[in-house]
C-alpha atoms as a PDB file:
ATOM      1  CA  MET A   1     -50.032  74.370  43.084  1.00  0.00           C
ATOM      2  CA  THR A   2     -50.881  77.146  40.753  1.00  0.00           C
ATOM      3  CA  ASP A   3     -52.353  80.924  43.313  1.00  0.00           C
ATOM      4  CA  GLU A   4     -55.437  81.496  41.404  1.00  0.00           C
ATOM      5  CA  PRO A   5     -59.121  81.030  43.016  1.00  0.00           C
ATOM      6  CA  THR A   6     -60.794  77.937  42.306  1.00  0.00           C
ATOM      7  CA  LEU A   7     -63.983  78.863  41.592  1.00  0.00           C
ATOM      8  CA  GLY A   8     -66.002  78.598  44.149  1.00  0.00           C
ATOM      9  CA  GLU A   9     -63.937  81.015  45.211  1.00  0.00           C
ATOM     10  CA  VAL A  10     -64.314  83.417  42.865  1.00  0.00           C
ATOM     11  CA  VAL A  11     -68.078  83.336  43.379  1.00  0.00           C
ATOM     12  CA  ARG A  12     -68.227  84.031  46.780  1.00  0.00           C
ATOM     13  CA  ARG A  13     -65.608  87.279  45.969  1.00  0.00           C
ATOM     14  CA  PHE A  14     -67.719  88.096  43.586  1.00  0.00           C
ATOM     15  CA  GLU A  15     -71.040  87.716  45.774  1.00  0.00           C
ATOM     16  CA  ASP A  16     -69.443  89.971  48.433  1.00  0.00           C
ATOM     17  CA  ARG A  17     -68.484  92.544  46.290  1.00  0.00           C
ATOM     18  CA  LEU A  18     -72.411  92.811  44.982  1.00  0.00           C
ATOM     19  CA  THR A  19     -73.155  92.421  48.951  1.00  0.00           C
ATOM     20  CA  ASP A  20     -71.247  95.757  49.302  1.00  0.00           C
ATOM     21  CA  VAL A  21     -72.572  97.055  46.159  1.00  0.00           C
ATOM     22  CA  ARG A  22     -76.123  96.880  47.203  1.00  0.00           C
ATOM     23  CA  ASP A  23     -75.066  98.161  50.425  1.00  0.00           C
ATOM     24  CA  ASP A  24     -73.687 101.399  48.775  1.00  0.00           C
ATOM     25  CA  ILE A  25     -77.028 101.190  47.055  1.00  0.00           C
ATOM     26  CA  GLN A  26     -79.257 101.680  49.876  1.00  0.00           C
ATOM     27  CA  GLN A  27     -77.081 103.997  51.794  1.00  0.00           C
ATOM     28  CA  LEU A  28     -76.928 106.226  48.959  1.00  0.00           C
ATOM     29  CA  GLY A  29     -80.965 105.973  48.589  1.00  0.00           C
ATOM     30  CA  ARG A  30     -80.951 106.997  52.663  1.00  0.00           C
ATOM     31  CA  ARG A  31     -78.882 109.951  51.751  1.00  0.00           C
ATOM     32  CA  MET A  32     -80.960 110.982  49.075  1.00  0.00           C
ATOM     33  CA  ASP A  33     -84.102 110.800  51.340  1.00  0.00           C
ATOM     34  CA  GLU A  34     -82.172 113.388  53.898  1.00  0.00           C
ATOM     35  CA  LYS A  35     -80.937 115.778  51.323  1.00  0.00           C
ATOM     36  CA  VAL A  36     -83.651 118.907  50.591  1.00  0.00           C
ATOM     37  CA  ASP A  37     -85.294 119.326  47.291  1.00  0.00           C
ATOM     38  CA  GLN A  38     -83.877 122.134  45.502  1.00  0.00           C
ATOM     39  CA  LYS A  39     -87.189 123.426  44.819  1.00  0.00           C
ATOM     40  CA  VAL A  40     -87.926 123.529  48.966  1.00  0.00           C
ATOM     41  CA  TYR A  41     -84.768 125.427  50.450  1.00  0.00           C
ATOM     42  CA  ASP A  42     -85.776 128.181  47.633  1.00  0.00           C
ATOM     43  CA  LEU A  43     -89.013 128.095  48.988  1.00  0.00           C
ATOM     44  CA  ARG A  44     -87.963 128.191  51.872  1.00  0.00           C
ATOM     45  CA  HIS A  45     -85.036 130.821  51.386  1.00  0.00           C
ATOM     46  CA  GLU A  46     -87.107 133.603  50.163  1.00  0.00           C
ATOM     47  CA  ALA A  47     -90.089 133.020  53.102  1.00  0.00           C
ATOM     48  CA  LEU A  48     -87.086 133.915  55.324  1.00  0.00           C
ATOM     49  CA  ALA A  49     -86.238 136.616  53.170  1.00  0.00           C
ATOM     50  CA  ALA A  50     -89.531 137.959  53.204  1.00  0.00           C
ATOM     51  CA  ARG A  51     -89.046 137.634  56.888  1.00  0.00           C
ATOM     52  CA  VAL A  52     -86.920 139.763  57.710  1.00  0.00           C
ATOM     53  CA  THR A  53     -87.781 142.634  54.971  1.00  0.00           C
ATOM     54  CA  THR A  54     -91.030 142.405  57.358  1.00  0.00           C
ATOM     55  CA  LEU A  55     -88.692 142.751  60.733  1.00  0.00           C
ATOM     56  CA  GLU A  56     -86.828 145.451  59.095  1.00  0.00           C
ATOM     57  CA  THR A  57     -89.657 147.045  58.042  1.00  0.00           C
ATOM     58  CA  ILE A  58     -91.156 146.728  61.756  1.00  0.00           C
ATOM     59  CA  ARG A  59     -87.863 147.808  63.184  1.00  0.00           C
ATOM     60  CA  GLU A  60     -87.794 150.976  61.957  1.00  0.00           C
ATOM     61  CA  LYS A  61     -91.273 151.853  62.133  1.00  0.00           C
ATOM     62  CA  ASP A  62     -90.270 151.601  66.026  1.00  0.00           C
ATOM     63  CA  ALA A  63     -87.625 153.800  65.809  1.00  0.00           C
ATOM     64  CA  ASP A  64     -89.819 156.612  63.955  1.00  0.00           C
ATOM     65  CA  LYS A  65     -91.881 156.532  66.994  1.00  0.00           C
ATOM     66  CA  ILE A  66     -89.476 156.244  69.552  1.00  0.00           C
ATOM     67  CA  VAL A  67     -87.826 159.563  67.223  1.00  0.00           C
ATOM     68  CA  ALA A  68     -91.781 161.388  67.187  1.00  0.00           C
ATOM     69  CA  THR A  69     -91.898 160.387  70.875  1.00  0.00           C
ATOM     70  CA  ARG A  70     -89.101 162.152  71.857  1.00  0.00           C
ATOM     71  CA  ARG A  71     -90.511 164.972  69.887  1.00  0.00           C
ATOM     72  CA  TRP A  72     -93.815 165.096  71.720  1.00  0.00           C
ATOM     73  CA  LEU A  73     -92.033 164.917  74.933  1.00  0.00           C
ATOM     74  CA  ILE A  74     -89.550 167.570  74.243  1.00  0.00           C
ATOM     75  CA  GLY A  75     -92.414 169.872  72.629  1.00  0.00           C
ATOM     76  CA  ALA A  76     -95.254 169.563  75.394  1.00  0.00           C
ATOM     77  CA  VAL A  77     -93.034 168.527  78.559  1.00  0.00           C
ATOM     78  CA  VAL A  78     -89.864 170.213  78.232  1.00  0.00           C
ATOM     79  CA  ILE A  79     -90.674 174.117  76.392  1.00  0.00           C
ATOM     80  CA  PRO A  80     -93.391 174.173  79.067  1.00  0.00           C
ATOM     81  CA  LEU A  81     -91.322 173.248  82.250  1.00  0.00           C
ATOM     82  CA  VAL A  82     -88.458 175.543  80.837  1.00  0.00           C
ATOM     83  CA  ALA A  83     -90.621 178.416  80.414  1.00  0.00           C
ATOM     84  CA  VAL A  84     -92.311 178.520  83.372  1.00  0.00           C
ATOM     85  CA  LEU A  85     -88.769 178.584  85.654  1.00  0.00           C
ATOM     86  CA  MET A  86     -87.102 180.609  83.668  1.00  0.00           C
ATOM     87  CA  PRO A  87     -89.063 183.508  84.691  1.00  0.00           C
ATOM     88  CA  VAL A  88     -88.110 181.514  89.072  1.00  0.00           C
ATOM     89  CA  ILE A  89     -84.580 181.755  88.284  1.00  0.00           C
ATOM     90  CA  ILE A  90     -85.045 185.496  86.751  1.00  0.00           C
ATOM     91  CA  LEU A  91     -87.047 186.652  89.500  1.00  0.00           C
ATOM     92  CA  LEU A  92     -84.525 184.781  91.463  1.00  0.00           C
ATOM     93  CA  ILE A  93     -81.333 185.739  90.185  1.00  0.00           C
ATOM     94  CA  GLN A  94     -83.012 189.742  90.361  1.00  0.00           C
ATOM     95  CA  GLY A  95     -83.690 189.537  93.751  1.00  0.00           C
ATOM     96  CA  ALA A  96     -80.536 187.890  94.814  1.00  0.00           C
ATOM     97  CA  GLY A  97     -78.433 191.026  93.338  1.00  0.00           C
ATOM     98  CA  THR A  98     -80.468 194.739  94.749  1.00  0.00           C
END
């Protein structure tokens, strides 16, 4: 007896391999369908970059508003308050010295 496969065994093995190749091609097709096209990826990336730029600009404007609010607070509240309290403090110090 020889160890060579019969013609039927060769055909069965060939059909098994052909089925495996078809399954692999179907899997590759499904995987390709799940992948994002480069153009879509680039568009999404550009949109995200534009959004980040916008958010950074808004953040900088908010920081400028905070600085302006601090300046207004010092100019409108603290300085007049010190101007009103300084004479009172000076009078109290001079009155305690006599």
